[in-house]
Amino acid sequence: AGGAKGIESVETASVEDWAWMFEVNVIGVKRVTSALLPLLRLGATE
């Protein structure tokens, strides 16, 4: 899951677009990975 919004410069880009990109591309990855790591450890043991 991920994506991009906009091609504006750092100066003019929408903060909301940046926040969305960080939420889905970074925080979302961290959130899912943290939640599933214990289950992946069980899978690795198996």
All heavy atoms as atom14 arrays in JSON, in Angstrom:
{
  "sequence": "AGGAKGIESVETASVEDWAWMFEVNVIGVKRVTSALLPLLRLGATE",
  "atom14_mask": [
    [1, 1, 1, 1, 1, 0, 0, 0, 0, 0, 0, 0, 0, 0],
    [1, 1, 1, 1, 0, 0, 0, 0, 0, 0, 0, 0, 0, 0],
    [1, 1, 1, 1, 0, 0, 0, 0, 0, 0, 0, 0, 0, 0],
    [1, 1, 1, 1, 1, 0, 0, 0, 0, 0, 0, 0, 0, 0],
    [1, 1, 1, 1, 1, 1, 1, 1, 1, 0, 0, 0, 0, 0],
    [1, 1, 1, 1, 0, 0, 0, 0, 0, 0, 0, 0, 0, 0],
    [1, 1, 1, 1, 1, 1, 1, 1, 0, 0, 0, 0, 0, 0],
    [1, 1, 1, 1, 1, 1, 1, 1, 1, 0, 0, 0, 0, 0],
    [1, 1, 1, 1, 1, 1, 0, 0, 0, 0, 0, 0, 0, 0],
    [1, 1, 1, 1, 1, 1, 1, 0, 0, 0, 0, 0, 0, 0],
    [1, 1, 1, 1, 1, 1, 1, 1, 1, 0, 0, 0, 0, 0],
    [1, 1, 1, 1, 1, 1, 1, 0, 0, 0, 0, 0, 0, 0],
    [1, 1, 1, 1, 1, 0, 0, 0, 0, 0, 0, 0, 0, 0],
    [1, 1, 1, 1, 1, 1, 0, 0, 0, 0, 0, 0, 0, 0],
    [1, 1, 1, 1, 1, 1, 1, 0, 0, 0, 0, 0, 0, 0],
    [1, 1, 1, 1, 1, 1, 1, 1, 1, 0, 0, 0, 0, 0],
    [1, 1, 1, 1, 1, 1, 1, 1, 0, 0, 0, 0, 0, 0],
    [1, 1, 1, 1, 1, 1, 1, 1, 1, 1, 1, 1, 1, 1],
    [1, 1, 1, 1, 1, 0, 0, 0, 0, 0, 0, 0, 0, 0],
    [1, 1, 1, 1, 1, 1, 1, 1, 1, 1, 1, 1, 1, 1],
    [1, 1, 1, 1, 1, 1, 1, 1, 0, 0, 0, 0, 0, 0],
    [1, 1, 1, 1, 1, 1, 1, 1, 1, 1, 1, 0, 0, 0],
    [1, 1, 1, 1, 1, 1, 1, 1, 1, 0, 0, 0, 0, 0],
    [1, 1, 1, 1, 1, 1, 1, 0, 0, 0, 0, 0, 0, 0],
    [1, 1, 1, 1, 1, 1, 1, 1, 0, 0, 0, 0, 0, 0],
    [1, 1, 1, 1, 1, 1, 1, 0, 0, 0, 0, 0, 0, 0],
    [1, 1, 1, 1, 1, 1, 1, 1, 0, 0, 0, 0, 0, 0],
    [1, 1, 1, 1, 0, 0, 0, 0, 0, 0, 0, 0, 0, 0],
    [1, 1, 1, 1, 1, 1, 1, 0, 0, 0, 0, 0, 0, 0],
    [1, 1, 1, 1, 1, 1, 1, 1, 1, 0, 0, 0, 0, 0],
    [1, 1, 1, 1, 1, 1, 1, 1, 1, 1, 1, 0, 0, 0],
    [1, 1, 1, 1, 1, 1, 1, 0, 0, 0, 0, 0, 0, 0],
    [1, 1, 1, 1, 1, 1, 1, 0, 0, 0, 0, 0, 0, 0],
    [1, 1, 1, 1, 1, 1, 0, 0, 0, 0, 0, 0, 0, 0],
    [1, 1, 1, 1, 1, 0, 0, 0, 0, 0, 0, 0, 0, 0],
    [1, 1, 1, 1, 1, 1, 1, 1, 0, 0, 0, 0, 0, 0],
    [1, 1, 1, 1, 1, 1, 1, 1, 0, 0, 0, 0, 0, 0],
    [1, 1, 1, 1, 1, 1, 1, 0, 0, 0, 0, 0, 0, 0],
    [1, 1, 1, 1, 1, 1, 1, 1, 0, 0, 0, 0, 0, 0],
    [1, 1, 1, 1, 1, 1, 1, 1, 0, 0, 0, 0, 0, 0],
    [1, 1, 1, 1, 1, 1, 1, 1, 1, 1, 1, 0, 0, 0],
    [1, 1, 1, 1, 1, 1, 1, 1, 0, 0, 0, 0, 0, 0],
    [1, 1, 1, 1, 0, 0, 0, 0, 0, 0, 0, 0, 0, 0],
    [1, 1, 1, 1, 1, 0, 0, 0, 0, 0, 0, 0, 0, 0],
    [1, 1, 1, 1, 1, 1, 1, 0, 0, 0, 0, 0, 0, 0],
    [1, 1, 1, 1, 1, 1, 1, 1, 1, 0, 0, 0, 0, 0]
  ],
  "atom14_positions": [
    [[0.84, -1.2, 0.0], [0.0, 0.0, 0.0], [0.88, 1.25, 0.0], [1.85, 1.35, 0.76], [-0.92, 0.0, 1.22], [0.0, 0.0, 0.0], [0.0, 0.0, 0.0], [0.0, 0.0, 0.0], [0.0, 0.0, 0.0], [0.0, 0.0, 0.0], [0.0, 0.0, 0.0], [0.0, 0.0, 0.0], [0.0, 0.0, 0.0], [0.0, 0.0, 0.0]],
    [[0.55, 2.21, -0.85], [1.35, 3.44, -0.94], [0.82, 4.32, -2.04], [-0.21, 4.03, -2.65], [0.0, 0.0, 0.0], [0.0, 0.0, 0.0], [0.0, 0.0, 0.0], [0.0, 0.0, 0.0], [0.0, 0.0, 0.0], [0.0, 0.0, 0.0], [0.0, 0.0, 0.0], [0.0, 0.0, 0.0], [0.0, 0.0, 0.0], [0.0, 0.0, 0.0]],
    [[1.54, 5.41, -2.29], [1.11, 6.29, -3.36], [1.75, 7.65, -3.27], [2.45, 7.97, -2.3], [0.0, 0.0, 0.0], [0.0, 0.0, 0.0], [0.0, 0.0, 0.0], [0.0, 0.0, 0.0], [0.0, 0.0, 0.0], [0.0, 0.0, 0.0], [0.0, 0.0, 0.0], [0.0, 0.0, 0.0], [0.0, 0.0, 0.0], [0.0, 0.0, 0.0]],
    [[1.5, 8.46, -4.3], [2.06, 9.81, -4.39], [0.93, 10.79, -4.67], [-0.07, 10.44, -5.3], [3.1, 9.89, -5.51], [0.0, 0.0, 0.0], [0.0, 0.0, 0.0], [0.0, 0.0, 0.0], [0.0, 0.0, 0.0], [0.0, 0.0, 0.0], [0.0, 0.0, 0.0], [0.0, 0.0, 0.0], [0.0, 0.0, 0.0], [0.0, 0.0, 0.0]],
    [[1.12, 12.01, -4.19], [0.18, 13.09, -4.5], [0.98, 14.35, -4.82], [1.76, 14.82, -4.0], [-0.76, 13.37, -3.33], [-1.87, 12.38, -3.16], [-2.9, 12.85, -2.15], [-4.06, 11.87, -2.04], [-5.11, 12.34, -1.09], [0.0, 0.0, 0.0], [0.0, 0.0, 0.0], [0.0, 0.0, 0.0], [0.0, 0.0, 0.0], [0.0, 0.0, 0.0]],
    [[0.78, 14.85, -6.04], [1.36, 16.13, -6.41], [2.79, 16.07, -6.91], [3.53, 15.12, -6.65], [0.0, 0.0, 0.0], [0.0, 0.0, 0.0], [0.0, 0.0, 0.0], [0.0, 0.0, 0.0], [0.0, 0.0, 0.0], [0.0, 0.0, 0.0], [0.0, 0.0, 0.0], [0.0, 0.0, 0.0], [0.0, 0.0, 0.0], [0.0, 0.0, 0.0]],
    [[3.17, 17.13, -7.66], [4.55, 17.27, -8.14], [5.07, 18.68, -7.84], [6.03, 19.14, -8.43], [4.67, 16.98, -9.65], [3.74, 17.9, -10.46], [4.38, 15.51, -9.95], [4.01, 17.87, -11.95], [0.0, 0.0, 0.0], [0.0, 0.0, 0.0], [0.0, 0.0, 0.0], [0.0, 0.0, 0.0], [0.0, 0.0, 0.0], [0.0, 0.0, 0.0]],
    [[4.42, 19.36, -6.88], [4.81, 20.73, -6.57], [6.14, 20.77, -5.82], [6.6, 19.77, -5.27], [3.72, 21.4, -5.72], [2.4, 21.62, -6.46], [1.56, 20.35, -6.51], [1.86, 19.41, -5.75], [0.62, 20.31, -7.32], [0.0, 0.0, 0.0], [0.0, 0.0, 0.0], [0.0, 0.0, 0.0], [0.0, 0.0, 0.0], [0.0, 0.0, 0.0]],
    [[6.73, 21.95, -5.77], [8.0, 22.14, -5.08], [7.82, 22.0, -3.57], [6.69, 22.03, -3.05], [8.57, 23.53, -5.37], [7.76, 24.53, -4.77], [0.0, 0.0, 0.0], [0.0, 0.0, 0.0], [0.0, 0.0, 0.0], [0.0, 0.0, 0.0], [0.0, 0.0, 0.0], [0.0, 0.0, 0.0], [0.0, 0.0, 0.0], [0.0, 0.0, 0.0]],
    [[8.92, 21.84, -2.86], [8.88, 21.79, -1.4], [8.22, 23.06, -0.86], [7.41, 23.02, 0.08], [10.3, 21.63, -0.82], [10.29, 21.79, 0.7], [10.9, 20.29, -1.23], [0.0, 0.0, 0.0], [0.0, 0.0, 0.0], [0.0, 0.0, 0.0], [0.0, 0.0, 0.0], [0.0, 0.0, 0.0], [0.0, 0.0, 0.0], [0.0, 0.0, 0.0]],
    [[8.51, 24.19, -1.47], [7.96, 25.46, -0.99], [6.45, 25.54, -1.15], [5.74, 26.04, -0.26], [8.6, 26.62, -1.77], [8.08, 28.0, -1.37], [8.69, 29.13, -2.2], [9.4, 28.83, -3.18], [8.44, 30.3, -1.86], [0.0, 0.0, 0.0], [0.0, 0.0, 0.0], [0.0, 0.0, 0.0], [0.0, 0.0, 0.0], [0.0, 0.0, 0.0]],
    [[5.94, 25.05, -2.28], [4.53, 25.29, -2.59], [3.62, 24.09, -2.38], [2.4, 24.24, -2.44], [4.4, 25.73, -4.06], [4.85, 24.67, -4.92], [5.2, 26.99, -4.33], [0.0, 0.0, 0.0], [0.0, 0.0, 0.0], [0.0, 0.0, 0.0], [0.0, 0.0, 0.0], [0.0, 0.0, 0.0], [0.0, 0.0, 0.0], [0.0, 0.0, 0.0]],
    [[4.15, 22.93, -2.11], [3.33, 21.72, -2.01], [2.38, 21.79, -0.82], [2.65, 22.44, 0.19], [4.22, 20.49, -1.89], [0.0, 0.0, 0.0], [0.0, 0.0, 0.0], [0.0, 0.0, 0.0], [0.0, 0.0, 0.0], [0.0, 0.0, 0.0], [0.0, 0.0, 0.0], [0.0, 0.0, 0.0], [0.0, 0.0, 0.0], [0.0, 0.0, 0.0]],
    [[1.3, 21.05, -0.94], [0.3, 20.97, 0.12], [0.81, 20.13, 1.28], [1.26, 18.99, 1.1], [-0.98, 20.33, -0.45], [-1.78, 19.81, 0.56], [0.0, 0.0, 0.0], [0.0, 0.0, 0.0], [0.0, 0.0, 0.0], [0.0, 0.0, 0.0], [0.0, 0.0, 0.0], [0.0, 0.0, 0.0], [0.0, 0.0, 0.0], [0.0, 0.0, 0.0]],
    [[0.73, 20.69, 2.48], [1.12, 19.94, 3.67], [0.21, 18.72, 3.84], [0.65, 17.65, 4.28], [1.06, 20.84, 4.92], [1.23, 20.02, 6.2], [2.15, 21.9, 4.85], [0.0, 0.0, 0.0], [0.0, 0.0, 0.0], [0.0, 0.0, 0.0], [0.0, 0.0, 0.0], [0.0, 0.0, 0.0], [0.0, 0.0, 0.0], [0.0, 0.0, 0.0]],
    [[-1.05, 18.87, 3.47], [-1.98, 17.75, 3.57], [-1.56, 16.6, 2.66], [-1.66, 15.42, 3.05], [-3.4, 18.2, 3.22], [-4.06, 19.11, 4.24], [-3.51, 20.53, 4.23], [-2.89, 20.92, 3.2], [-3.69, 21.25, 5.23], [0.0, 0.0, 0.0], [0.0, 0.0, 0.0], [0.0, 0.0, 0.0], [0.0, 0.0, 0.0], [0.0, 0.0, 0.0]],
    [[-1.08, 16.92, 1.46], [-0.59, 15.87, 0.57], [0.62, 15.17, 1.16], [0.74, 13.94, 1.1], [-0.23, 16.46, -0.8], [-1.45, 16.78, -1.65], [-2.57, 16.42, -1.26], [-1.27, 17.42, -2.71], [0.0, 0.0, 0.0], [0.0, 0.0, 0.0], [0.0, 0.0, 0.0], [0.0, 0.0, 0.0], [0.0, 0.0, 0.0], [0.0, 0.0, 0.0]],
    [[1.53, 15.94, 1.74], [2.71, 15.35, 2.36], [2.29, 14.44, 3.52], [2.82, 13.33, 3.68], [3.66, 16.44, 2.86], [4.56, 17.01, 1.83], [4.21, 17.51, 0.62], [5.99, 17.14, 1.92], [5.33, 17.96, -0.06], [6.43, 17.74, 0.72], [6.91, 16.82, 2.89], [7.77, 18.03, 0.48], [8.26, 17.1, 2.65], [8.68, 17.7, 1.45]],
    [[1.35, 14.91, 4.34], [0.91, 14.13, 5.48], [0.3, 12.8, 5.02], [0.56, 11.74, 5.6], [-0.1, 14.92, 6.31], [0.0, 0.0, 0.0], [0.0, 0.0, 0.0], [0.0, 0.0, 0.0], [0.0, 0.0, 0.0], [0.0, 0.0, 0.0], [0.0, 0.0, 0.0], [0.0, 0.0, 0.0], [0.0, 0.0, 0.0], [0.0, 0.0, 0.0]],
    [[-0.5, 12.86, 3.94], [-1.09, 11.63, 3.41], [0.0, 10.68, 2.94], [-0.06, 9.47, 3.22], [-2.03, 11.96, 2.25], [-2.66, 10.75, 1.64], [-3.79, 10.1, 2.06], [-2.17, 10.0, 0.5], [-4.04, 9.02, 1.25], [-3.08, 8.93, 0.29], [-1.08, 10.15, -0.35], [-2.91, 8.02, -0.74], [-0.91, 9.23, -1.38], [-1.81, 8.18, -1.56]],
    [[1.0, 11.19, 2.22], [2.08, 10.33, 1.72], [2.86, 9.68, 2.84], [3.23, 8.5, 2.76], [2.99, 11.12, 0.78], [2.37, 11.39, -0.58], [3.47, 12.15, -1.79], [3.37, 13.88, -1.33], [0.0, 0.0, 0.0], [0.0, 0.0, 0.0], [0.0, 0.0, 0.0], [0.0, 0.0, 0.0], [0.0, 0.0, 0.0], [0.0, 0.0, 0.0]],
    [[3.11, 10.42, 3.92], [3.83, 9.82, 5.04], [2.95, 8.79, 5.76], [3.43, 7.74, 6.19], [4.32, 10.9, 6.01], [5.7, 11.37, 5.69], [5.91, 12.31, 4.69], [6.8, 10.86, 6.34], [7.18, 12.74, 4.36], [8.08, 11.28, 6.03], [8.28, 12.22, 5.04], [0.0, 0.0, 0.0], [0.0, 0.0, 0.0], [0.0, 0.0, 0.0]],
    [[1.66, 9.08, 5.88], [0.76, 8.14, 6.55], [0.71, 6.8, 5.84], [0.8, 5.74, 6.47], [-0.65, 8.73, 6.64], [-0.85, 9.68, 7.8], [-0.8, 8.98, 9.15], [-1.15, 7.79, 9.24], [-0.42, 9.63, 10.14], [0.0, 0.0, 0.0], [0.0, 0.0, 0.0], [0.0, 0.0, 0.0], [0.0, 0.0, 0.0], [0.0, 0.0, 0.0]],
    [[0.56, 6.81, 4.53], [0.38, 5.55, 3.81], [1.7, 4.86, 3.49], [1.8, 3.63, 3.56], [-0.46, 5.78, 2.52], [0.3, 6.56, 1.47], [-0.94, 4.45, 1.95], [0.0, 0.0, 0.0], [0.0, 0.0, 0.0], [0.0, 0.0, 0.0], [0.0, 0.0, 0.0], [0.0, 0.0, 0.0], [0.0, 0.0, 0.0], [0.0, 0.0, 0.0]],
    [[2.74, 5.63, 3.16], [4.01, 5.04, 2.73], [4.95, 4.7, 3.89], [5.85, 3.86, 3.71], [4.75, 6.0, 1.78], [4.05, 6.17, 0.45], [3.93, 5.23, -0.32], [3.56, 7.37, 0.18], [0.0, 0.0, 0.0], [0.0, 0.0, 0.0], [0.0, 0.0, 0.0], [0.0, 0.0, 0.0], [0.0, 0.0, 0.0], [0.0, 0.0, 0.0]],
    [[4.78, 5.36, 5.02], [5.72, 5.16, 6.14], [5.0, 4.66, 7.38], [5.27, 3.55, 7.85], [6.48, 6.47, 6.47], [7.56, 6.2, 7.53], [7.11, 7.07, 5.22], [0.0, 0.0, 0.0], [0.0, 0.0, 0.0], [0.0, 0.0, 0.0], [0.0, 0.0, 0.0], [0.0, 0.0, 0.0], [0.0, 0.0, 0.0], [0.0, 0.0, 0.0]],
    [[4.08, 5.47, 7.91], [3.41, 5.08, 9.15], [2.57, 3.82, 8.93], [2.51, 2.94, 9.79], [2.51, 6.23, 9.67], [3.33, 7.51, 9.83], [1.87, 5.83, 10.99], [4.51, 7.39, 10.75], [0.0, 0.0, 0.0], [0.0, 0.0, 0.0], [0.0, 0.0, 0.0], [0.0, 0.0, 0.0], [0.0, 0.0, 0.0], [0.0, 0.0, 0.0]],
    [[1.93, 3.71, 7.77], [1.16, 2.51, 7.48], [2.04, 1.26, 7.45], [1.65, 0.2, 7.98], [0.0, 0.0, 0.0], [0.0, 0.0, 0.0], [0.0, 0.0, 0.0], [0.0, 0.0, 0.0], [0.0, 0.0, 0.0], [0.0, 0.0, 0.0], [0.0, 0.0, 0.0], [0.0, 0.0, 0.0], [0.0, 0.0, 0.0], [0.0, 0.0, 0.0]],
    [[3.21, 1.36, 6.86], [4.16, 0.24, 6.83], [4.59, -0.12, 8.25], [4.63, -1.3, 8.63], [5.38, 0.57, 5.96], [6.47, -0.49, 6.11], [4.98, 0.7, 4.5], [0.0, 0.0, 0.0], [0.0, 0.0, 0.0], [0.0, 0.0, 0.0], [0.0, 0.0, 0.0], [0.0, 0.0, 0.0], [0.0, 0.0, 0.0], [0.0, 0.0, 0.0]],
    [[4.92, 0.89, 9.04], [5.31, 0.63, 10.43], [4.17, -0.02, 11.21], [4.35, -0.99, 11.96], [5.72, 1.95, 11.1], [6.2, 1.81, 12.57], [5.06, 2.02, 13.54], [5.52, 2.01, 15.0], [5.8, 0.68, 15.52], [0.0, 0.0, 0.0], [0.0, 0.0, 0.0], [0.0, 0.0, 0.0], [0.0, 0.0, 0.0], [0.0, 0.0, 0.0]],
    [[2.94, 0.51, 11.02], [1.78, 0.01, 11.77], [1.51, -1.46, 11.46], [1.35, -2.28, 12.37], [0.56, 0.88, 11.43], [-0.68, 0.54, 12.22], [-1.84, 1.48, 11.85], [-1.66, 2.79, 12.47], [-1.52, 3.93, 11.8], [-1.51, 3.92, 10.48], [-1.39, 5.06, 12.44], [0.0, 0.0, 0.0], [0.0, 0.0, 0.0], [0.0, 0.0, 0.0]],
    [[1.49, -1.81, 10.19], [1.2, -3.2, 9.8], [2.34, -4.12, 10.21], [2.12, -5.23, 10.73], [0.92, -3.3, 8.29], [0.73, -4.74, 7.87], [-0.3, -2.47, 7.92], [0.0, 0.0, 0.0], [0.0, 0.0, 0.0], [0.0, 0.0, 0.0], [0.0, 0.0, 0.0], [0.0, 0.0, 0.0], [0.0, 0.0, 0.0], [0.0, 0.0, 0.0]],
    [[3.57, -3.68, 10.01], [4.72, -4.51, 10.37], [4.75, -4.78, 11.86], [4.96, -5.93, 12.3], [6.02, -3.83, 9.92], [5.99, -3.64, 8.51], [7.23, -4.67, 10.29], [0.0, 0.0, 0.0], [0.0, 0.0, 0.0], [0.0, 0.0, 0.0], [0.0, 0.0, 0.0], [0.0, 0.0, 0.0], [0.0, 0.0, 0.0], [0.0, 0.0, 0.0]],
    [[4.53, -3.76, 12.67], [4.51, -3.95, 14.12], [3.42, -4.92, 14.54], [3.62, -5.78, 15.41], [4.3, -2.61, 14.83], [5.41, -1.76, 14.64], [0.0, 0.0, 0.0], [0.0, 0.0, 0.0], [0.0, 0.0, 0.0], [0.0, 0.0, 0.0], [0.0, 0.0, 0.0], [0.0, 0.0, 0.0], [0.0, 0.0, 0.0], [0.0, 0.0, 0.0]],
    [[2.24, -4.79, 13.94], [1.12, -5.64, 14.31], [1.35, -7.1, 13.95], [0.95, -8.01, 14.69], [-0.16, -5.13, 13.65], [0.0, 0.0, 0.0], [0.0, 0.0, 0.0], [0.0, 0.0, 0.0], [0.0, 0.0, 0.0], [0.0, 0.0, 0.0], [0.0, 0.0, 0.0], [0.0, 0.0, 0.0], [0.0, 0.0, 0.0], [0.0, 0.0, 0.0]],
    [[2.0, -7.32, 12.8], [2.12, -8.69, 12.3], [3.42, -9.39, 12.65], [3.53, -10.61, 12.47], [1.93, -8.7, 10.78], [0.48, -8.9, 10.29], [-0.46, -7.83, 10.85], [0.42, -8.92, 8.78], [0.0, 0.0, 0.0], [0.0, 0.0, 0.0], [0.0, 0.0, 0.0], [0.0, 0.0, 0.0], [0.0, 0.0, 0.0], [0.0, 0.0, 0.0]],
    [[4.39, -8.66, 13.19], [5.67, -9.31, 13.5], [5.54, -10.51, 14.43], [6.17, -11.56, 14.19], [6.66, -8.3, 14.08], [7.85, -7.96, 13.18], [8.7, -6.86, 13.79], [8.7, -9.19, 12.9], [0.0, 0.0, 0.0], [0.0, 0.0, 0.0], [0.0, 0.0, 0.0], [0.0, 0.0, 0.0], [0.0, 0.0, 0.0], [0.0, 0.0, 0.0]],
    [[4.74, -10.43, 15.5], [4.6, -11.64, 16.33], [4.05, -12.83, 15.56], [4.46, -13.98, 15.81], [3.62, -11.18, 17.43], [3.82, -9.7, 17.51], [4.05, -9.27, 16.08], [0.0, 0.0, 0.0], [0.0, 0.0, 0.0], [0.0, 0.0, 0.0], [0.0, 0.0, 0.0], [0.0, 0.0, 0.0], [0.0, 0.0, 0.0], [0.0, 0.0, 0.0]],
    [[3.14, -12.59, 14.63], [2.59, -13.68, 13.83], [3.62, -14.21, 12.84], [3.66, -15.41, 12.55], [1.34, -13.2, 13.09], [0.22, -12.63, 13.96], [-0.96, -12.2, 13.09], [-0.22, -13.64, 15.0], [0.0, 0.0, 0.0], [0.0, 0.0, 0.0], [0.0, 0.0, 0.0], [0.0, 0.0, 0.0], [0.0, 0.0, 0.0], [0.0, 0.0, 0.0]],
    [[4.45, -13.32, 12.31], [5.53, -13.76, 11.42], [6.56, -14.59, 12.17], [7.09, -15.57, 11.62], [6.2, -12.54, 10.78], [5.37, -11.83, 9.7], [5.89, -10.42, 9.46], [5.37, -12.63, 8.39], [0.0, 0.0, 0.0], [0.0, 0.0, 0.0], [0.0, 0.0, 0.0], [0.0, 0.0, 0.0], [0.0, 0.0, 0.0], [0.0, 0.0, 0.0]],
    [[6.8, -14.24, 13.42], [7.72, -15.05, 14.23], [7.16, -16.46, 14.43], [7.91, -17.45, 14.38], [7.99, -14.37, 15.56], [8.88, -13.14, 15.46], [9.26, -12.6, 16.83], [10.26, -11.57, 16.71], [10.03, -10.26, 16.91], [8.82, -9.84, 17.25], [11.01, -9.39, 16.78], [0.0, 0.0, 0.0], [0.0, 0.0, 0.0], [0.0, 0.0, 0.0]],
    [[5.87, -16.57, 14.65], [5.25, -17.89, 14.77], [5.37, -18.65, 13.46], [5.66, -19.85, 13.45], [3.78, -17.74, 15.17], [3.5, -17.25, 16.59], [2.0, -17.03, 16.78], [4.03, -18.24, 17.61], [0.0, 0.0, 0.0], [0.0, 0.0, 0.0], [0.0, 0.0, 0.0], [0.0, 0.0, 0.0], [0.0, 0.0, 0.0], [0.0, 0.0, 0.0]],
    [[5.13, -17.96, 12.35], [5.27, -18.6, 11.05], [6.69, -19.06, 10.79], [6.91, -20.14, 10.23], [0.0, 0.0, 0.0], [0.0, 0.0, 0.0], [0.0, 0.0, 0.0], [0.0, 0.0, 0.0], [0.0, 0.0, 0.0], [0.0, 0.0, 0.0], [0.0, 0.0, 0.0], [0.0, 0.0, 0.0], [0.0, 0.0, 0.0], [0.0, 0.0, 0.0]],
    [[7.66, -18.23, 11.21], [9.07, -18.6, 11.03], [9.43, -19.82, 11.87], [10.2, -20.69, 11.44], [9.96, -17.42, 11.38], [0.0, 0.0, 0.0], [0.0, 0.0, 0.0], [0.0, 0.0, 0.0], [0.0, 0.0, 0.0], [0.0, 0.0, 0.0], [0.0, 0.0, 0.0], [0.0, 0.0, 0.0], [0.0, 0.0, 0.0], [0.0, 0.0, 0.0]],
    [[8.89, -19.89, 13.07], [9.15, -21.04, 13.93], [8.58, -22.32, 13.31], [9.19, -23.38, 13.36], [8.51, -20.81, 15.31], [9.11, -19.65, 15.91], [8.72, -22.01, 16.22], [0.0, 0.0, 0.0], [0.0, 0.0, 0.0], [0.0, 0.0, 0.0], [0.0, 0.0, 0.0], [0.0, 0.0, 0.0], [0.0, 0.0, 0.0], [0.0, 0.0, 0.0]],
    [[7.4, -22.18, 12.7], [6.74, -23.33, 12.09], [7.46, -23.82, 10.84], [7.63, -25.02, 10.64], [5.31, -22.95, 11.75], [4.56, -24.0, 10.97], [3.34, -23.43, 10.27], [3.49, -22.78, 9.21], [2.24, -23.65, 10.79], [0.0, 0.0, 0.0], [0.0, 0.0, 0.0], [0.0, 0.0, 0.0], [0.0, 0.0, 0.0], [0.0, 0.0, 0.0]]
  ]
}
